[in-house]
C-alpha atoms as a PDB file:
ATOM      1  CA  MET A   1     -49.702 -17.951  54.341  1.00  0.00           C
ATOM      2  CA  PHE A   2     -52.683 -16.257  53.324  1.00  0.00           C
ATOM      3  CA  ASN A   3     -52.032 -12.396  54.431  1.00  0.00           C
ATOM      4  CA  PHE A   4     -55.346 -10.801  53.269  1.00  0.00           C
ATOM      5  CA  LYS A   5     -57.302  -7.808  54.716  1.00  0.00           C
ATOM      6  CA  TRP A   6     -60.928  -8.604  55.584  1.00  0.00           C
ATOM      7  CA  SER A   7     -61.954  -6.657  52.341  1.00  0.00           C
ATOM      8  CA  GLN A   8     -59.991  -8.786  50.154  1.00  0.00           C
ATOM      9  CA  TRP A   9     -61.270 -12.277  51.876  1.00  0.00           C
ATOM     10  CA  LEU A  10     -64.629 -10.499  51.063  1.00  0.00           C
ATOM     11  CA  VAL A  11     -64.010  -9.892  47.506  1.00  0.00           C
ATOM     12  CA  LEU A  12     -61.994 -13.411  47.230  1.00  0.00           C
ATOM     13  CA  SER A  13     -65.061 -15.286  48.556  1.00  0.00           C
ATOM     14  CA  PHE A  14     -67.312 -13.208  46.169  1.00  0.00           C
ATOM     15  CA  PHE A  15     -65.610 -14.774  43.135  1.00  0.00           C
ATOM     16  CA  ILE A  16     -64.974 -18.139  44.640  1.00  0.00           C
ATOM     17  CA  LEU A  17     -68.698 -18.563  45.686  1.00  0.00           C
ATOM     18  CA  SER A  18     -69.910 -17.287  42.446  1.00  0.00           C
ATOM     19  CA  ALA A  19     -67.894 -19.853  40.347  1.00  0.00           C
ATOM     20  CA  CYS A  20     -68.600 -22.599  42.675  1.00  0.00           C
ATOM     21  CA  TYR A  21     -72.617 -21.929  42.112  1.00  0.00           C
ATOM     22  CA  MET A  22     -71.702 -21.626  38.107  1.00  0.00           C
ATOM     23  CA  ILE A  23     -70.118 -25.136  38.258  1.00  0.00           C
ATOM     24  CA  VAL A  24     -72.789 -26.847  40.346  1.00  0.00           C
ATOM     25  CA  LEU A  25     -75.375 -25.181  38.150  1.00  0.00           C
ATOM     26  CA  SER A  26     -73.720 -26.344  34.967  1.00  0.00           C
ATOM     27  CA  VAL A  27     -73.363 -29.904  36.499  1.00  0.00           C
ATOM     28  CA  THR A  28     -76.932 -30.341  37.778  1.00  0.00           C
ATOM     29  CA  GLN A  29     -78.964 -28.400  34.919  1.00  0.00           C
ATOM     30  CA  PRO A  30     -78.324 -29.627  31.183  1.00  0.00           C
ATOM     31  CA  TYR A  31     -78.158 -27.131  28.444  1.00  0.00           C
ATOM     32  CA  LEU A  32     -81.359 -27.675  26.137  1.00  0.00           C
ATOM     33  CA  GLY A  33     -80.624 -25.331  23.637  1.00  0.00           C
ATOM     34  CA  ILE A  34     -84.103 -24.673  22.423  1.00  0.00           C
ATOM     35  CA  GLY A  35     -85.428 -21.356  20.776  1.00  0.00           C
ATOM     36  CA  VAL A  36     -88.968 -20.327  20.732  1.00  0.00           C
ATOM     37  CA  ASN A  37     -91.345 -18.063  19.275  1.00  0.00           C
ATOM     38  CA  GLU A  38     -94.987 -17.206  19.930  1.00  0.00           C
ATOM     39  CA  ARG A  39     -96.979 -17.831  16.595  1.00  0.00           C
ATOM     40  CA  GLN A  40    -100.761 -17.247  16.639  1.00  0.00           C
ATOM     41  CA  GLY A  41    -101.011 -18.082  20.354  1.00  0.00           C
ATOM     42  CA  GLU A  42     -98.953 -21.195  20.379  1.00  0.00           C
ATOM     43  CA  TRP A  43     -95.202 -21.238  21.334  1.00  0.00           C
ATOM     44  CA  VAL A  44     -93.179 -22.955  18.624  1.00  0.00           C
ATOM     45  CA  VAL A  45     -89.513 -24.519  18.358  1.00  0.00           C
ATOM     46  CA  THR A  46     -87.565 -22.133  15.961  1.00  0.00           C
ATOM     47  CA  SER A  47     -83.991 -23.214  16.793  1.00  0.00           C
ATOM     48  CA  VAL A  48     -82.059 -26.146  18.280  1.00  0.00           C
ATOM     49  CA  HIS A  49     -78.491 -25.188  18.983  1.00  0.00           C
ATOM     50  CA  SER A  50     -76.042 -27.792  17.925  1.00  0.00           C
ATOM     51  CA  GLY A  51     -74.506 -30.433  20.541  1.00  0.00           C
ATOM     52  CA  SER A  52     -77.326 -29.059  23.065  1.00  0.00           C
ATOM     53  CA  TRP A  53     -79.678 -31.356  24.825  1.00  0.00           C
ATOM     54  CA  GLY A  54     -82.408 -30.570  22.559  1.00  0.00           C
ATOM     55  CA  ASP A  55     -80.127 -31.492  19.462  1.00  0.00           C
ATOM     56  CA  ARG A  56     -79.230 -35.041  20.766  1.00  0.00           C
ATOM     57  CA  HIS A  57     -82.770 -35.877  21.541  1.00  0.00           C
ATOM     58  CA  GLY A  58     -84.280 -34.773  18.367  1.00  0.00           C
ATOM     59  CA  VAL A  59     -86.379 -32.104  19.464  1.00  0.00           C
ATOM     60  CA  PRO A  60     -88.225 -31.224  16.256  1.00  0.00           C
ATOM     61  CA  LEU A  61     -87.970 -27.539  14.483  1.00  0.00           C
ATOM     62  CA  GLY A  62     -91.556 -26.122  14.000  1.00  0.00           C
ATOM     63  CA  GLY A  63     -93.148 -28.236  16.989  1.00  0.00           C
ATOM     64  CA  GLU A  64     -95.492 -26.760  19.221  1.00  0.00           C
ATOM     65  CA  ILE A  65     -94.762 -27.020  22.861  1.00  0.00           C
ATOM     66  CA  HIS A  66     -97.992 -27.743  24.915  1.00  0.00           C
ATOM     67  CA  SER A  67     -96.457 -27.828  28.608  1.00  0.00           C
ATOM     68  CA  ILE A  68     -93.516 -27.054  30.537  1.00  0.00           C
ATOM     69  CA  ASN A  69     -93.232 -28.902  33.817  1.00  0.00           C
ATOM     70  CA  ASP A  70     -96.789 -29.573  33.375  1.00  0.00           C
ATOM     71  CA  GLU A  71     -97.676 -25.871  33.199  1.00  0.00           C
ATOM     72  CA  PRO A  72     -98.593 -23.777  29.989  1.00  0.00           C
ATOM     73  CA  PRO A  73     -95.226 -22.554  28.114  1.00  0.00           C
ATOM     74  CA  GLU A  74     -96.069 -18.929  28.588  1.00  0.00           C
ATOM     75  CA  GLU A  75     -95.636 -19.381  32.486  1.00  0.00           C
ATOM     76  CA  HIS A  76     -92.157 -20.560  32.216  1.00  0.00           C
ATOM     77  CA  ARG A  77     -89.722 -17.699  33.067  1.00  0.00           C
ATOM     78  CA  SER A  78     -87.267 -18.530  30.329  1.00  0.00           C
ATOM     79  CA  VAL A  79     -89.792 -18.880  27.644  1.00  0.00           C
ATOM     80  CA  SER A  80     -91.645 -15.540  28.594  1.00  0.00           C
ATOM     81  CA  MET A  81     -88.458 -13.372  29.263  1.00  0.00           C
ATOM     82  CA  PHE A  82     -86.010 -14.821  26.654  1.00  0.00           C
ATOM     83  CA  ASN A  83     -87.753 -16.923  23.903  1.00  0.00           C
ATOM     84  CA  GLU A  84     -85.917 -19.809  25.078  1.00  0.00           C
ATOM     85  CA  LEU A  85     -86.594 -23.026  26.674  1.00  0.00           C
ATOM     86  CA  GLU A  86     -84.149 -23.924  29.500  1.00  0.00           C
ATOM     87  CA  GLY A  87     -84.340 -25.065  33.110  1.00  0.00           C
ATOM     88  CA  ALA A  88     -87.220 -27.302  32.589  1.00  0.00           C
ATOM     89  CA  ASN A  89     -87.590 -30.684  34.322  1.00  0.00           C
ATOM     90  CA  SER A  90     -90.190 -31.902  31.456  1.00  0.00           C
ATOM     91  CA  PHE A  91     -92.095 -30.506  28.638  1.00  0.00           C
ATOM     92  CA  SER A  92     -94.196 -31.822  25.769  1.00  0.00           C
ATOM     93  CA  ILE A  93     -93.929 -31.165  21.971  1.00  0.00           C
ATOM     94  CA  GLN A  94     -96.768 -31.956  19.352  1.00  0.00           C
ATOM     95  CA  HIS A  95     -95.251 -32.260  15.665  1.00  0.00           C
ATOM     96  CA  ASN A  96     -96.990 -33.676  12.578  1.00  0.00           C
ATOM     97  CA  GLY A  97     -99.907 -34.914  14.512  1.00  0.00           C
ATOM     98  CA  GLN A  98     -97.865 -36.704  17.236  1.00  0.00           C
ATOM     99  CA  GLU A  99     -97.236 -35.568  20.858  1.00  0.00           C
ATOM    100  CA  THR A 100     -93.908 -36.133  22.525  1.00  0.00           C
ATOM    101  CA  PHE A 101     -93.225 -36.065  25.982  1.00  0.00           C
ATOM    102  CA  TYR A 102     -89.458 -35.362  27.338  1.00  0.00           C
ATOM    103  CA  ASN A 103     -88.923 -36.031  31.128  1.00  0.00           C
ATOM    104  CA  ASP A 104     -85.510 -37.727  31.216  1.00  0.00           C
ATOM    105  CA  ILE A 105     -83.769 -34.303  31.303  1.00  0.00           C
ATOM    106  CA  GLU A 106     -80.211 -34.918  32.303  1.00  0.00           C
ATOM    107  CA  ASN A 107     -76.554 -35.095  31.070  1.00  0.00           C
ATOM    108  CA  SER A 108     -75.057 -32.228  28.861  1.00  0.00           C
ATOM    109  CA  SER A 109     -72.909 -33.300  25.933  1.00  0.00           C
ATOM    110  CA  PRO A 110     -69.271 -33.739  26.112  1.00  0.00           C
ATOM    111  CA  ILE A 111     -68.434 -30.709  24.024  1.00  0.00           C
ATOM    112  CA  HIS A 112     -70.787 -28.495  26.357  1.00  0.00           C
ATOM    113  CA  TRP A 113     -68.813 -30.030  29.391  1.00  0.00           C
ATOM    114  CA  LEU A 114     -65.482 -29.237  27.807  1.00  0.00           C
ATOM    115  CA  LEU A 115     -66.430 -25.533  26.680  1.00  0.00           C
ATOM    116  CA  TYR A 116     -68.522 -24.396  29.440  1.00  0.00           C
ATOM    117  CA  ILE A 117     -67.577 -26.361  32.604  1.00  0.00           C
ATOM    118  CA  VAL A 118     -64.084 -27.967  32.365  1.00  0.00           C
ATOM    119  CA  ILE A 119     -62.198 -24.976  30.609  1.00  0.00           C
ATOM    120  CA  PRO A 120     -63.713 -22.183  32.234  1.00  0.00           C
ATOM    121  CA  ALA A 121     -63.091 -24.053  35.772  1.00  0.00           C
ATOM    122  CA  LEU A 122     -59.693 -24.838  34.729  1.00  0.00           C
ATOM    123  CA  PHE A 123     -59.007 -21.231  33.822  1.00  0.00           C
ATOM    124  CA  PHE A 124     -60.440 -19.999  36.858  1.00  0.00           C
ATOM    125  CA  LEU A 125     -58.341 -22.128  38.800  1.00  0.00           C
ATOM    126  CA  VAL A 126     -55.085 -21.115  37.058  1.00  0.00           C
ATOM    127  CA  ILE A 127     -56.155 -17.348  37.506  1.00  0.00           C
ATOM    128  CA  LEU A 128     -56.438 -17.862  41.219  1.00  0.00           C
ATOM    129  CA  GLY A 129     -53.025 -19.234  41.250  1.00  0.00           C
ATOM    130  CA  ILE A 130     -52.017 -16.253  39.388  1.00  0.00           C
ATOM    131  CA  SER A 131     -53.320 -13.920  41.483  1.00  0.00           C
ATOM    132  CA  TYR A 132     -51.780 -15.660  44.828  1.00  0.00           C
ATOM    133  CA  LEU A 133     -48.549 -15.285  43.039  1.00  0.00           C
ATOM    134  CA  VAL A 134     -49.075 -11.456  41.981  1.00  0.00           C
ATOM    135  CA  HIS A 135     -50.189 -10.873  45.870  1.00  0.00           C
ATOM    136  CA  LYS A 136     -47.320 -12.836  47.303  1.00  0.00           C
ATOM    137  CA  ARG A 137     -44.453 -11.737  45.120  1.00  0.00           C
ATOM    138  CA  VAL A 138     -45.365  -8.131  43.898  1.00  0.00           C
ATOM    139  CA  PRO A 139     -44.867  -5.229  45.897  1.00  0.00           C
ATOM    140  CA  LYS A 140     -48.078  -3.949  47.800  1.00  0.00           C
ATOM    141  CA  ARG A 141     -49.356  -1.473  45.718  1.00  0.00           C
ATOM    142  CA  TYR A 142     -52.755  -0.515  44.634  1.00  0.00           C
ATOM    143  CA  SER A 143     -52.214  -1.089  40.893  1.00  0.00           C
ATOM    144  CA  ALA A 144     -51.211  -4.899  41.838  1.00  0.00           C
ATOM    145  CA  GLU A 145     -54.776  -5.364  43.579  1.00  0.00           C
ATOM    146  CA  GLN A 146     -56.555  -3.884  40.864  1.00  0.00           C
ATOM    147  CA  LEU A 147     -54.726  -6.327  38.200  1.00  0.00           C
ATOM    148  CA  ILE A 148     -55.810  -9.396  40.522  1.00  0.00           C
ATOM    149  CA  LEU A 149     -59.414  -7.870  40.383  1.00  0.00           C
ATOM    150  CA  PHE A 150     -59.136  -7.633  36.596  1.00  0.00           C
ATOM    151  CA  PHE A 151     -57.964 -11.366  36.321  1.00  0.00           C
ATOM    152  CA  LEU A 152     -60.714 -12.555  38.638  1.00  0.00           C
ATOM    153  CA  ALA A 153     -63.594 -10.662  36.969  1.00  0.00           C
ATOM    154  CA  ILE A 154     -62.482 -12.143  33.483  1.00  0.00           C
ATOM    155  CA  ALA A 155     -62.100 -15.702  34.768  1.00  0.00           C
ATOM    156  CA  THR A 156     -65.612 -15.575  36.652  1.00  0.00           C
ATOM    157  CA  GLY A 157     -67.389 -13.789  33.711  1.00  0.00           C
ATOM    158  CA  TYR A 158     -66.050 -16.527  31.403  1.00  0.00           C
ATOM    159  CA  LEU A 159     -67.351 -19.338  34.051  1.00  0.00           C
ATOM    160  CA  SER A 160     -70.726 -17.243  34.194  1.00  0.00           C
ATOM    161  CA  ASN A 161     -71.176 -17.852  30.452  1.00  0.00           C
ATOM    162  CA  SER A 162     -72.407 -21.594  31.527  1.00  0.00           C
ATOM    163  CA  GLY A 163     -75.095 -20.156  33.783  1.00  0.00           C
ATOM    164  CA  ALA A 164     -75.965 -17.267  31.136  1.00  0.00           C
ATOM    165  CA  VAL A 165     -76.656 -19.880  28.423  1.00  0.00           C
ATOM    166  CA  ARG A 166     -79.075 -21.506  30.827  1.00  0.00           C
ATOM    167  CA  ASP A 167     -81.098 -18.477  31.336  1.00  0.00           C
ATOM    168  CA  ASP A 168     -79.962 -18.537  35.133  1.00  0.00           C
ATOM    169  CA  LEU A 169     -80.770 -14.952  36.307  1.00  0.00           C
ATOM    170  CA  TYR A 170     -77.674 -14.662  38.568  1.00  0.00           C
ATOM    171  CA  GLY A 171     -75.510 -16.055  35.772  1.00  0.00           C
ATOM    172  CA  LEU A 172     -76.988 -13.555  33.402  1.00  0.00           C
ATOM    173  CA  PHE A 173     -76.468 -10.970  35.827  1.00  0.00           C
ATOM    174  CA  LEU A 174     -73.028 -11.760  36.618  1.00  0.00           C
ATOM    175  CA  ASN A 175     -72.020 -12.422  33.020  1.00  0.00           C
ATOM    176  CA  THR A 176     -73.341  -8.716  32.036  1.00  0.00           C
ATOM    177  CA  GLY A 177     -71.843  -7.094  35.335  1.00  0.00           C
ATOM    178  CA  LEU A 178     -68.253  -8.737  35.037  1.00  0.00           C
ATOM    179  CA  PHE A 179     -67.663  -8.394  31.510  1.00  0.00           C
ATOM    180  CA  LEU A 180     -68.719  -4.771  31.623  1.00  0.00           C
ATOM    181  CA  PHE A 181     -66.677  -3.807  34.729  1.00  0.00           C
ATOM    182  CA  SER A 182     -63.619  -5.850  33.366  1.00  0.00           C
ATOM    183  CA  PRO A 183     -62.179  -3.204  30.798  1.00  0.00           C
ATOM    184  CA  VAL A 184     -63.144  -0.424  33.245  1.00  0.00           C
ATOM    185  CA  ILE A 185     -60.895  -2.127  35.830  1.00  0.00           C
ATOM    186  CA  LEU A 186     -58.195  -2.419  33.309  1.00  0.00           C
ATOM    187  CA  ILE A 187     -58.573   1.070  32.449  1.00  0.00           C
ATOM    188  CA  HIS A 188     -58.276   2.213  36.303  1.00  0.00           C
ATOM    189  CA  PHE A 189     -55.338  -0.345  36.802  1.00  0.00           C
ATOM    190  CA  LEU A 190     -53.261   1.494  33.977  1.00  0.00           C
ATOM    191  CA  TYR A 191     -54.120   4.864  35.659  1.00  0.00           C
ATOM    192  CA  ASN A 192     -52.947   3.835  39.151  1.00  0.00           C
ATOM    193  CA  TYR A 193     -50.086   1.879  37.512  1.00  0.00           C
ATOM    194  CA  PHE A 194     -48.654   4.741  35.722  1.00  0.00           C
ATOM    195  CA  GLN A 195     -49.551   7.159  38.624  1.00  0.00           C
ATOM    196  CA  GLU A 196     -47.053   5.305  40.630  1.00  0.00           C
ATOM    197  CA  LEU A 197     -44.560   6.024  38.033  1.00  0.00           C
ATOM    198  CA  ASN A 198     -45.729   9.682  37.913  1.00  0.00           C
ATOM    199  CA  ILE A 199     -46.903   9.332  34.251  1.00  0.00           C
ATOM    200  CA  TYR A 200     -50.217  10.825  33.284  1.00  0.00           C
ATOM    201  CA  TRP A 201     -51.897  10.752  29.894  1.00  0.00           C
ATOM    202  CA  PHE A 202     -55.698  10.590  30.500  1.00  0.00           C
ATOM    203  CA  SER A 203     -57.888  11.949  33.287  1.00  0.00           C
ATOM    204  CA  LYS A 204     -59.263   9.981  36.196  1.00  0.00           C
ATOM    205  CA  LYS A 205     -62.646  11.587  35.626  1.00  0.00           C
ATOM    206  CA  ILE A 206     -62.751   9.279  32.705  1.00  0.00           C
ATOM    207  CA  VAL A 207     -62.315   6.067  35.007  1.00  0.00           C
ATOM    208  CA  TYR A 208     -65.084   7.432  37.381  1.00  0.00           C
ATOM    209  CA  SER A 209     -67.574   8.050  34.354  1.00  0.00           C
ATOM    210  CA  LEU A 210     -67.033   5.005  33.160  1.00  0.00           C
ATOM    211  CA  TYR A 211     -67.673   3.075  36.395  1.00  0.00           C
ATOM    212  CA  LEU A 212     -70.926   5.201  36.777  1.00  0.00           C
ATOM    213  CA  THR A 213     -72.185   4.239  33.269  1.00  0.00           C
ATOM    214  CA  VAL A 214     -71.373   0.742  33.817  1.00  0.00           C
ATOM    215  CA  GLY A 215     -72.780   0.548  37.274  1.00  0.00           C
ATOM    216  CA  PHE A 216     -75.888   2.209  35.912  1.00  0.00           C
ATOM    217  CA  VAL A 217     -76.438  -0.402  33.297  1.00  0.00           C
ATOM    218  CA  SER A 218     -75.523  -3.177  35.562  1.00  0.00           C
ATOM    219  CA  LEU A 219     -78.511  -2.059  37.834  1.00  0.00           C
ATOM    220  CA  LEU A 220     -80.942  -1.824  35.048  1.00  0.00           C
ATOM    221  CA  GLU A 221     -79.822  -5.292  34.086  1.00  0.00           C
ATOM    222  CA  GLY A 222     -80.384  -6.632  37.570  1.00  0.00           C
ATOM    223  CA  TYR A 223     -83.621  -4.936  38.079  1.00  0.00           C
ATOM    224  CA  PHE A 224     -85.055  -6.289  34.725  1.00  0.00           C
ATOM    225  CA  LEU A 225     -83.982  -9.844  35.479  1.00  0.00           C
ATOM    226  CA  THR A 226     -85.435  -9.110  39.445  1.00  0.00           C
ATOM    227  CA  ILE A 227     -88.823  -8.255  38.103  1.00  0.00           C
ATOM    228  CA  GLU A 228     -88.728 -11.010  35.234  1.00  0.00           C
ATOM    229  CA  SER A 229     -89.472  -8.679  32.701  1.00  0.00           C
ATOM    230  CA  TYR A 230     -86.645  -7.928  29.942  1.00  0.00           C
ATOM    231  CA  PRO A 231     -87.654  -5.206  27.599  1.00  0.00           C
ATOM    232  CA  ALA A 232     -86.606  -5.485  24.139  1.00  0.00           C
ATOM    233  CA  PHE A 233     -84.998  -2.020  23.814  1.00  0.00           C
ATOM    234  CA  PHE A 234     -82.670  -2.871  26.444  1.00  0.00           C
ATOM    235  CA  ASP A 235     -81.277  -5.939  24.810  1.00  0.00           C
ATOM    236  CA  PRO A 236     -78.657  -4.349  22.549  1.00  0.00           C
ATOM    237  CA  ILE A 237     -77.573  -2.232  25.195  1.00  0.00           C
ATOM    238  CA  PRO A 238     -75.096  -4.002  27.339  1.00  0.00           C
ATOM    239  CA  GLY A 239     -73.426  -5.451  24.151  1.00  0.00           C
ATOM    240  CA  GLY A 240     -73.196  -2.078  22.432  1.00  0.00           C
ATOM    241  CA  LEU A 241     -71.485  -0.717  25.783  1.00  0.00           C
ATOM    242  CA  LEU A 242     -68.950  -3.414  25.961  1.00  0.00           C
ATOM    243  CA  LEU A 243     -68.040  -2.535  22.383  1.00  0.00           C
ATOM    244  CA  VAL A 244     -67.681   1.109  23.337  1.00  0.00           C
ATOM    245  CA  LEU A 245     -65.444   0.221  26.211  1.00  0.00           C
ATOM    246  CA  TYR A 246     -63.333  -1.957  23.931  1.00  0.00           C
ATOM    247  CA  ILE A 247     -62.821   1.110  21.690  1.00  0.00           C
ATOM    248  CA  ILE A 248     -62.087   3.470  24.864  1.00  0.00           C
ATOM    249  CA  SER A 249     -59.733   1.015  26.125  1.00  0.00           C
ATOM    250  CA  PHE A 250     -57.870   0.696  22.639  1.00  0.00           C
ATOM    251  CA  PHE A 251     -57.787   4.474  22.325  1.00  0.00           C
ATOM    252  CA  ILE A 252     -56.364   5.008  25.756  1.00  0.00           C
ATOM    253  CA  ILE A 253     -53.569   2.511  25.258  1.00  0.00           C
ATOM    254  CA  TYR A 254     -52.772   3.335  21.934  1.00  0.00           C
ATOM    255  CA  ARG A 255     -52.515   6.858  23.082  1.00  0.00           C
ATOM    256  CA  GLY A 256     -50.125   6.022  26.069  1.00  0.00           C
ATOM    257  CA  LEU A 257     -47.841   4.118  23.674  1.00  0.00           C
ATOM    258  CA  TYR A 258     -47.799   6.958  21.074  1.00  0.00           C
ATOM    259  CA  ILE A 259     -47.055   9.616  23.621  1.00  0.00           C
ATOM    260  CA  HIS A 260     -44.630   7.929  25.807  1.00  0.00           C
ATOM    261  CA  LYS A 261     -42.884   5.840  23.241  1.00  0.00           C
END
């Protein structure tokens, strides 16, 4: 029934296990949605995202964070790396001379469940079904395998948003890497699909150079996350590169339509 090669099983297992991890993380760790900044040696709440746990429990703007998990706030990873309060079991905030201790941190809002867990999980399951149909029904070609890889990368990247908003390191790495690689995989699919039809309008060197660029940026992302030191200069690079990849993808598709219309 499942006539897969070992390499295909390996890739499929990576996507399924990553998706399962993201779902478990999202269910067990509420999205706090609290943005912070350091002011005169104190960590102050500067934003609370609408619909987040912090919003529903009235975390005050301008409140000073005294402790997170009974430790100084600067020792909490999400605070020091991303200026966000996530992944906490408890924390205390002083506001207008009154200190409030939050320790019953559970249950994300229904909207968050719908947008970050239910819909992405259903989308992933649908993509799994489509991928199986492509594998089963489409003639065995390399381009078909790349189309499946593109589908799975998009679906898992979408699901990894739930981990990224919680500042989970693997979720952040997965989110950046998959969304950067997805347009490159699409370009590679286009090249191989039309190569099978003996149609060419761009060089395969473009594909290889894009893989190298995206791979390098993803490795840097993984390195900075691993050492738990995310430099400010690197923050706009993944997003900027993704925009460039979209532009390149659009140009390649448009040029192909223009030449072979």
